[in-house]
Amino acid sequence: MRRYMQGTLDFACGIYAVINALSCIYGLDLAHARKIFQETVHALSKQERVWISFLCNETDHYWLIRWLLGRWCSASPWRLDVRQPFSDCLCPQSRSNDLTEMEMFLPEAHAPGGPACPSAAKNEACAVWDALAGWLGEQGGYPRAALLRFHRFIPGTRQPVVSHWTTAQAANDKALLLHDASSEPGALFVLERGRLLPEVQHTALLRIVPESVVLLSRPVKKAPVGTDTLGF
């Protein structure tokens, strides 16, 4: 008898990823997390095209991440500094944030398996790792988080068995530590650096899509004139 969990019957990982990022950075409480979830679902349900795409997973959910960041993270009380090292597709100000104009798929530079050339695939993986580990590994006492989408493969395949949006909250020299909503057996809560690098058969077991990486923090407050310190 199977026990069903979040992520099995629904495709709401993008909503959970943004909520968990706010939890990491602002310590979001349960009442406010429910408010974001409920009001987001209500807004989506008013637009049939995006609602059906969301419910049936007929989309890659990039538009949803951008809408969430624009709706909930562009002003107080949960304003975030949003940076993308490999694209600007998820920065709310870069495109329309009107649900009626959302594109259901983002043309990524490569197929899910990444660059066909092994050296290019390795260079991509290393660049993504360096961006995320550098951002999360040197927080300096100020909370940071990152959003990302990863594809998970079985050895020898180029089509993912799982494509998932998640939140990374910390990093060390070997792994990214996730603050993830999944409860299914076998869910990943750590992305090991070694599994992100292509192996002899040219296929990594995990690939973080570069265009999906979003680095998040509280906005930097400008220091008063005559000081040389920054506050957050």
C-alpha atoms as a PDB file:
ATOM      1  CA  MET A   1       0.000   0.000   0.000  1.00  0.00           C
ATOM      2  CA  ARG A   2       1.692   3.189  -1.181  1.00  0.00           C
ATOM      3  CA  ARG A   3       1.784   6.302   0.978  1.00  0.00           C
ATOM      4  CA  TYR A   4       1.501   9.390  -1.253  1.00  0.00           C
ATOM      5  CA  MET A   5       3.487  12.503  -0.446  1.00  0.00           C
ATOM      6  CA  GLN A   6       4.047  16.037  -1.688  1.00  0.00           C
ATOM      7  CA  GLY A   7       5.478  15.918  -5.168  1.00  0.00           C
ATOM      8  CA  THR A   8       3.798  12.654  -6.162  1.00  0.00           C
ATOM      9  CA  LEU A   9       0.316  13.884  -7.039  1.00  0.00           C
ATOM     10  CA  ASP A  10       1.102  17.571  -7.506  1.00  0.00           C
ATOM     11  CA  PHE A  11       3.672  19.570  -9.439  1.00  0.00           C
ATOM     12  CA  ALA A  12       4.053  22.415  -6.963  1.00  0.00           C
ATOM     13  CA  CYS A  13       7.797  22.126  -6.326  1.00  0.00           C
ATOM     14  CA  GLY A  14       8.364  25.634  -7.729  1.00  0.00           C
ATOM     15  CA  ILE A  15       6.010  27.178  -5.171  1.00  0.00           C
ATOM     16  CA  TYR A  16       7.640  25.222  -2.360  1.00  0.00           C
ATOM     17  CA  ALA A  17      11.115  26.205  -3.572  1.00  0.00           C
ATOM     18  CA  VAL A  18      10.377  29.929  -3.300  1.00  0.00           C
ATOM     19  CA  ILE A  19       8.622  29.502   0.060  1.00  0.00           C
ATOM     20  CA  ASN A  20      11.587  27.515   1.388  1.00  0.00           C
ATOM     21  CA  ALA A  21      14.006  30.150   0.126  1.00  0.00           C
ATOM     22  CA  LEU A  22      12.061  32.767   2.090  1.00  0.00           C
ATOM     23  CA  SER A  23      12.147  30.446   5.086  1.00  0.00           C
ATOM     24  CA  CYS A  24      15.944  30.252   4.836  1.00  0.00           C
ATOM     25  CA  ILE A  25      16.405  34.003   4.475  1.00  0.00           C
ATOM     26  CA  TYR A  26      13.562  35.482   6.531  1.00  0.00           C
ATOM     27  CA  GLY A  27      12.528  32.634   8.845  1.00  0.00           C
ATOM     28  CA  LEU A  28       9.067  32.550   7.252  1.00  0.00           C
ATOM     29  CA  ASP A  29       6.457  31.251   9.693  1.00  0.00           C
ATOM     30  CA  LEU A  30       3.669  28.774   8.953  1.00  0.00           C
ATOM     31  CA  ALA A  31       0.898  31.356   8.661  1.00  0.00           C
ATOM     32  CA  HIS A  32       2.775  33.402   6.084  1.00  0.00           C
ATOM     33  CA  ALA A  33       3.914  30.299   4.182  1.00  0.00           C
ATOM     34  CA  ARG A  34       0.274  29.213   3.918  1.00  0.00           C
ATOM     35  CA  LYS A  35      -0.713  32.711   2.778  1.00  0.00           C
ATOM     36  CA  ILE A  36       1.824  32.612  -0.072  1.00  0.00           C
ATOM     37  CA  PHE A  37       0.793  29.111  -1.125  1.00  0.00           C
ATOM     38  CA  GLN A  38      -2.945  29.754  -0.969  1.00  0.00           C
ATOM     39  CA  GLU A  39      -2.884  33.138  -2.703  1.00  0.00           C
ATOM     40  CA  THR A  40      -0.553  31.805  -5.394  1.00  0.00           C
ATOM     41  CA  VAL A  41      -2.803  28.845  -6.184  1.00  0.00           C
ATOM     42  CA  HIS A  42      -5.825  31.144  -6.179  1.00  0.00           C
ATOM     43  CA  ALA A  43      -4.142  33.513  -8.656  1.00  0.00           C
ATOM     44  CA  LEU A  44      -3.181  30.656 -10.975  1.00  0.00           C
ATOM     45  CA  SER A  45      -6.677  29.179 -10.885  1.00  0.00           C
ATOM     46  CA  LYS A  46      -8.092  32.384 -12.392  1.00  0.00           C
ATOM     47  CA  GLN A  47      -6.114  31.869 -15.611  1.00  0.00           C
ATOM     48  CA  GLU A  48      -7.225  28.656 -17.312  1.00  0.00           C
ATOM     49  CA  ARG A  49      -4.206  28.304 -19.598  1.00  0.00           C
ATOM     50  CA  VAL A  50      -1.585  28.534 -16.851  1.00  0.00           C
ATOM     51  CA  TRP A  51      -3.782  26.644 -14.372  1.00  0.00           C
ATOM     52  CA  ILE A  52      -4.108  23.573 -16.600  1.00  0.00           C
ATOM     53  CA  SER A  53      -0.402  23.692 -17.486  1.00  0.00           C
ATOM     54  CA  PHE A  54       0.482  23.885 -13.781  1.00  0.00           C
ATOM     55  CA  LEU A  55      -1.883  21.100 -12.693  1.00  0.00           C
ATOM     56  CA  CYS A  56      -0.867  18.706 -15.480  1.00  0.00           C
ATOM     57  CA  ASN A  57       2.870  19.545 -15.522  1.00  0.00           C
ATOM     58  CA  GLU A  58       2.624  20.694 -19.125  1.00  0.00           C
ATOM     59  CA  THR A  59       5.303  23.305 -18.536  1.00  0.00           C
ATOM     60  CA  ASP A  60       8.820  23.650 -17.153  1.00  0.00           C
ATOM     61  CA  HIS A  61       7.620  26.133 -14.468  1.00  0.00           C
ATOM     62  CA  TYR A  62      10.187  28.861 -15.219  1.00  0.00           C
ATOM     63  CA  TRP A  63       7.329  31.325 -15.589  1.00  0.00           C
ATOM     64  CA  LEU A  64       5.999  30.308 -12.164  1.00  0.00           C
ATOM     65  CA  ILE A  65       9.316  30.979 -10.435  1.00  0.00           C
ATOM     66  CA  ARG A  66       9.539  34.400 -12.101  1.00  0.00           C
ATOM     67  CA  TRP A  67       5.948  35.234 -11.157  1.00  0.00           C
ATOM     68  CA  LEU A  68       6.490  34.160  -7.543  1.00  0.00           C
ATOM     69  CA  LEU A  69       9.639  36.260  -7.219  1.00  0.00           C
ATOM     70  CA  GLY A  70       7.848  39.262  -8.687  1.00  0.00           C
ATOM     71  CA  ARG A  71       4.694  38.815  -6.613  1.00  0.00           C
ATOM     72  CA  TRP A  72       6.195  38.010  -3.234  1.00  0.00           C
ATOM     73  CA  CYS A  73       9.856  39.032  -3.229  1.00  0.00           C
ATOM     74  CA  SER A  74      10.011  42.440  -4.918  1.00  0.00           C
ATOM     75  CA  ALA A  75       8.736  44.493  -1.975  1.00  0.00           C
ATOM     76  CA  SER A  76       8.551  44.405   1.816  1.00  0.00           C
ATOM     77  CA  PRO A  77       8.266  42.376   3.968  1.00  0.00           C
ATOM     78  CA  TRP A  78      10.127  39.708   1.952  1.00  0.00           C
ATOM     79  CA  ARG A  79      12.059  41.727  -0.578  1.00  0.00           C
ATOM     80  CA  LEU A  80      14.975  39.813  -2.067  1.00  0.00           C
ATOM     81  CA  ASP A  81      18.017  40.699  -4.093  1.00  0.00           C
ATOM     82  CA  VAL A  82      17.678  38.428  -7.160  1.00  0.00           C
ATOM     83  CA  ARG A  83      20.743  37.570  -9.240  1.00  0.00           C
ATOM     84  CA  GLN A  84      21.250  35.153 -12.109  1.00  0.00           C
ATOM     85  CA  PRO A  85      24.815  34.271 -13.107  1.00  0.00           C
ATOM     86  CA  PHE A  86      23.889  32.526 -16.378  1.00  0.00           C
ATOM     87  CA  SER A  87      20.689  34.230 -17.581  1.00  0.00           C
ATOM     88  CA  ASP A  88      18.181  36.938 -16.742  1.00  0.00           C
ATOM     89  CA  CYS A  89      15.060  34.892 -17.541  1.00  0.00           C
ATOM     90  CA  LEU A  90      13.901  34.625 -13.912  1.00  0.00           C
ATOM     91  CA  CYS A  91      14.481  38.201 -12.813  1.00  0.00           C
ATOM     92  CA  PRO A  92      10.928  39.599 -12.579  1.00  0.00           C
ATOM     93  CA  GLN A  93      11.896  42.963 -14.063  1.00  0.00           C
ATOM     94  CA  SER A  94      13.387  41.366 -17.191  1.00  0.00           C
ATOM     95  CA  ARG A  95      10.018  40.336 -18.674  1.00  0.00           C
ATOM     96  CA  SER A  96       6.309  40.821 -18.198  1.00  0.00           C
ATOM     97  CA  ASN A  97       5.023  39.345 -14.955  1.00  0.00           C
ATOM     98  CA  ASP A  98       1.431  39.203 -16.212  1.00  0.00           C
ATOM     99  CA  LEU A  99       0.092  35.639 -15.965  1.00  0.00           C
ATOM    100  CA  THR A 100      -1.858  36.117 -19.180  1.00  0.00           C
ATOM    101  CA  GLU A 101       1.397  36.642 -21.107  1.00  0.00           C
ATOM    102  CA  MET A 102       3.529  33.898 -19.602  1.00  0.00           C
ATOM    103  CA  GLU A 103       5.422  31.500 -21.874  1.00  0.00           C
ATOM    104  CA  MET A 104       4.904  27.926 -20.681  1.00  0.00           C
ATOM    105  CA  PHE A 105       8.390  26.790 -21.724  1.00  0.00           C
ATOM    106  CA  LEU A 106      11.770  28.490 -21.653  1.00  0.00           C
ATOM    107  CA  PRO A 107      14.046  27.592 -24.585  1.00  0.00           C
ATOM    108  CA  GLU A 108      17.097  26.262 -22.743  1.00  0.00           C
ATOM    109  CA  ALA A 109      20.479  26.250 -24.439  1.00  0.00           C
ATOM    110  CA  HIS A 110      20.704  22.448 -24.348  1.00  0.00           C
ATOM    111  CA  ALA A 111      18.578  19.343 -24.035  1.00  0.00           C
ATOM    112  CA  PRO A 112      18.084  18.038 -20.461  1.00  0.00           C
ATOM    113  CA  GLY A 113      21.283  15.974 -20.644  1.00  0.00           C
ATOM    114  CA  GLY A 114      23.365  19.078 -21.302  1.00  0.00           C
ATOM    115  CA  PRO A 115      26.076  19.707 -23.898  1.00  0.00           C
ATOM    116  CA  ALA A 116      26.863  16.671 -26.038  1.00  0.00           C
ATOM    117  CA  CYS A 117      30.599  17.377 -25.904  1.00  0.00           C
ATOM    118  CA  PRO A 118      32.031  15.846 -22.692  1.00  0.00           C
ATOM    119  CA  SER A 119      34.452  18.703 -22.103  1.00  0.00           C
ATOM    120  CA  ALA A 120      31.697  21.289 -22.580  1.00  0.00           C
ATOM    121  CA  ALA A 121      29.434  19.336 -20.208  1.00  0.00           C
ATOM    122  CA  LYS A 122      32.171  19.269 -17.588  1.00  0.00           C
ATOM    123  CA  ASN A 123      32.880  22.988 -18.020  1.00  0.00           C
ATOM    124  CA  GLU A 124      29.178  23.757 -17.610  1.00  0.00           C
ATOM    125  CA  ALA A 125      28.909  21.638 -14.460  1.00  0.00           C
ATOM    126  CA  CYS A 126      32.007  23.228 -12.942  1.00  0.00           C
ATOM    127  CA  ALA A 127      30.799  26.759 -13.696  1.00  0.00           C
ATOM    128  CA  VAL A 128      27.409  26.078 -12.106  1.00  0.00           C
ATOM    129  CA  TRP A 129      29.023  24.446  -9.089  1.00  0.00           C
ATOM    130  CA  ASP A 130      31.428  27.362  -8.601  1.00  0.00           C
ATOM    131  CA  ALA A 131      28.597  29.905  -8.776  1.00  0.00           C
ATOM    132  CA  LEU A 132      26.405  28.098  -6.254  1.00  0.00           C
ATOM    133  CA  ALA A 133      29.146  26.965  -3.871  1.00  0.00           C
ATOM    134  CA  GLY A 134      30.740  30.408  -3.946  1.00  0.00           C
ATOM    135  CA  TRP A 135      27.443  32.109  -3.151  1.00  0.00           C
ATOM    136  CA  LEU A 136      26.313  29.710  -0.431  1.00  0.00           C
ATOM    137  CA  GLY A 137      29.691  28.882   1.056  1.00  0.00           C
ATOM    138  CA  GLU A 138      30.635  32.436   2.028  1.00  0.00           C
ATOM    139  CA  GLN A 139      27.522  33.823   3.660  1.00  0.00           C
ATOM    140  CA  GLY A 140      29.395  35.952   6.183  1.00  0.00           C
ATOM    141  CA  GLY A 141      26.660  35.636   8.775  1.00  0.00           C
ATOM    142  CA  TYR A 142      23.956  36.906   6.418  1.00  0.00           C
ATOM    143  CA  PRO A 143      21.374  34.366   5.202  1.00  0.00           C
ATOM    144  CA  ARG A 144      21.446  33.430   1.541  1.00  0.00           C
ATOM    145  CA  ALA A 145      19.727  30.830  -0.576  1.00  0.00           C
ATOM    146  CA  ALA A 146      19.557  29.740  -4.197  1.00  0.00           C
ATOM    147  CA  LEU A 147      16.856  28.384  -6.455  1.00  0.00           C
ATOM    148  CA  LEU A 148      17.717  25.796  -9.072  1.00  0.00           C
ATOM    149  CA  ARG A 149      16.234  23.135 -11.313  1.00  0.00           C
ATOM    150  CA  PHE A 150      17.986  19.809 -11.620  1.00  0.00           C
ATOM    151  CA  HIS A 151      17.526  16.797 -13.863  1.00  0.00           C
ATOM    152  CA  ARG A 152      18.174  13.361 -12.421  1.00  0.00           C
ATOM    153  CA  PHE A 153      19.312  10.481 -14.649  1.00  0.00           C
ATOM    154  CA  ILE A 154      19.957   6.789 -14.435  1.00  0.00           C
ATOM    155  CA  PRO A 155      23.328   5.647 -15.818  1.00  0.00           C
ATOM    156  CA  GLY A 156      23.577   5.659 -19.581  1.00  0.00           C
ATOM    157  CA  THR A 157      20.460   7.728 -20.269  1.00  0.00           C
ATOM    158  CA  ARG A 158      20.016  11.241 -21.649  1.00  0.00           C
ATOM    159  CA  GLN A 159      16.400  11.740 -20.614  1.00  0.00           C
ATOM    160  CA  PRO A 160      15.767  12.595 -16.953  1.00  0.00           C
ATOM    161  CA  VAL A 161      13.671  10.431 -14.684  1.00  0.00           C
ATOM    162  CA  VAL A 162      13.038  13.485 -12.478  1.00  0.00           C
ATOM    163  CA  SER A 163      13.091  17.229 -13.172  1.00  0.00           C
ATOM    164  CA  HIS A 164      12.727  19.230  -9.986  1.00  0.00           C
ATOM    165  CA  TRP A 165      12.855  22.799  -8.640  1.00  0.00           C
ATOM    166  CA  THR A 166      14.461  23.113  -5.227  1.00  0.00           C
ATOM    167  CA  THR A 167      16.186  25.433  -2.750  1.00  0.00           C
ATOM    168  CA  ALA A 168      19.851  25.242  -1.794  1.00  0.00           C
ATOM    169  CA  GLN A 169      20.713  26.708   1.581  1.00  0.00           C
ATOM    170  CA  ALA A 170      24.406  25.933   2.159  1.00  0.00           C
ATOM    171  CA  ALA A 171      27.476  24.389   0.559  1.00  0.00           C
ATOM    172  CA  ASN A 172      30.760  22.791   1.443  1.00  0.00           C
ATOM    173  CA  ASP A 173      33.603  21.590  -0.772  1.00  0.00           C
ATOM    174  CA  LYS A 174      31.759  18.365  -1.649  1.00  0.00           C
ATOM    175  CA  ALA A 175      28.033  19.083  -1.719  1.00  0.00           C
ATOM    176  CA  LEU A 176      25.152  21.531  -1.941  1.00  0.00           C
ATOM    177  CA  LEU A 177      22.757  21.183   0.992  1.00  0.00           C
ATOM    178  CA  LEU A 178      19.103  21.490   0.052  1.00  0.00           C
ATOM    179  CA  HIS A 179      16.108  22.820   1.963  1.00  0.00           C
ATOM    180  CA  ASP A 180      13.704  20.698  -0.042  1.00  0.00           C
ATOM    181  CA  ALA A 181      10.000  19.932   0.288  1.00  0.00           C
ATOM    182  CA  SER A 182      10.101  16.357  -1.024  1.00  0.00           C
ATOM    183  CA  SER A 183       9.127  13.517   1.277  1.00  0.00           C
ATOM    184  CA  GLU A 184       9.238  10.629  -1.181  1.00  0.00           C
ATOM    185  CA  PRO A 185      11.657   7.747  -0.526  1.00  0.00           C
ATOM    186  CA  GLY A 186      14.831   8.423  -2.467  1.00  0.00           C
ATOM    187  CA  ALA A 187      14.342  12.208  -2.563  1.00  0.00           C
ATOM    188  CA  LEU A 188      17.572  14.179  -2.668  1.00  0.00           C
ATOM    189  CA  PHE A 189      18.497  16.566   0.111  1.00  0.00           C
ATOM    190  CA  VAL A 190      22.157  16.835  -0.883  1.00  0.00           C
ATOM    191  CA  LEU A 191      23.605  17.357  -4.367  1.00  0.00           C
ATOM    192  CA  GLU A 192      27.095  15.871  -4.356  1.00  0.00           C
ATOM    193  CA  ARG A 193      29.660  17.570  -6.558  1.00  0.00           C
ATOM    194  CA  GLY A 194      30.891  14.243  -7.939  1.00  0.00           C
ATOM    195  CA  ARG A 195      27.423  13.313  -9.209  1.00  0.00           C
ATOM    196  CA  LEU A 196      27.184  16.578 -11.147  1.00  0.00           C
ATOM    197  CA  LEU A 197      30.289  15.847 -13.224  1.00  0.00           C
ATOM    198  CA  PRO A 198      30.105  13.715 -16.375  1.00  0.00           C
ATOM    199  CA  GLU A 199      31.546  10.233 -16.011  1.00  0.00           C
ATOM    200  CA  VAL A 200      33.268   7.977 -18.532  1.00  0.00           C
ATOM    201  CA  GLN A 201      29.966   7.313 -20.338  1.00  0.00           C
ATOM    202  CA  HIS A 202      29.605  11.119 -20.756  1.00  0.00           C
ATOM    203  CA  THR A 203      26.409  11.343 -18.696  1.00  0.00           C
ATOM    204  CA  ALA A 204      26.282  12.897 -15.250  1.00  0.00           C
ATOM    205  CA  LEU A 205      23.794  11.465 -12.776  1.00  0.00           C
ATOM    206  CA  LEU A 206      22.584  14.992 -11.983  1.00  0.00           C
ATOM    207  CA  ARG A 207      22.549  18.170 -14.012  1.00  0.00           C
ATOM    208  CA  ILE A 208      21.712  21.616 -12.672  1.00  0.00           C
ATOM    209  CA  VAL A 209      20.348  23.713 -15.521  1.00  0.00           C
ATOM    210  CA  PRO A 210      22.415  26.925 -15.683  1.00  0.00           C
ATOM    211  CA  GLU A 211      19.468  29.118 -16.730  1.00  0.00           C
ATOM    212  CA  SER A 212      17.563  28.050 -13.623  1.00  0.00           C
ATOM    213  CA  VAL A 213      20.116  29.219 -11.057  1.00  0.00           C
ATOM    214  CA  VAL A 214      18.931  32.181  -8.970  1.00  0.00           C
ATOM    215  CA  LEU A 215      21.057  33.591  -6.142  1.00  0.00           C
ATOM    216  CA  LEU A 216      19.001  35.186  -3.382  1.00  0.00           C
ATOM    217  CA  SER A 217      19.715  37.372  -0.371  1.00  0.00           C
ATOM    218  CA  ARG A 218      18.217  40.238   1.549  1.00  0.00           C
ATOM    219  CA  PRO A 219      18.765  43.555  -0.223  1.00  0.00           C
ATOM    220  CA  VAL A 220      21.919  45.401   0.686  1.00  0.00           C
ATOM    221  CA  LYS A 221      21.214  48.639   2.502  1.00  0.00           C
ATOM    222  CA  LYS A 222      23.314  51.601   1.475  1.00  0.00           C
ATOM    223  CA  ALA A 223      25.635  52.768   4.209  1.00  0.00           C
ATOM    224  CA  PRO A 224      25.091  56.319   5.504  1.00  0.00           C
ATOM    225  CA  VAL A 225      27.424  58.939   4.105  1.00  0.00           C
ATOM    226  CA  GLY A 226      30.685  58.964   6.005  1.00  0.00           C
ATOM    227  CA  THR A 227      30.658  55.270   6.940  1.00  0.00           C
ATOM    228  CA  ASP A 228      32.419  52.330   5.354  1.00  0.00           C
ATOM    229  CA  THR A 229      30.191  49.479   6.496  1.00  0.00           C
ATOM    230  CA  LEU A 230      27.221  47.762   4.912  1.00  0.00           C
ATOM    231  CA  GLY A 231      24.113  46.538   6.717  1.00  0.00           C
ATOM    232  CA  PHE A 232      21.546  43.984   5.688  1.00  0.00           C
END
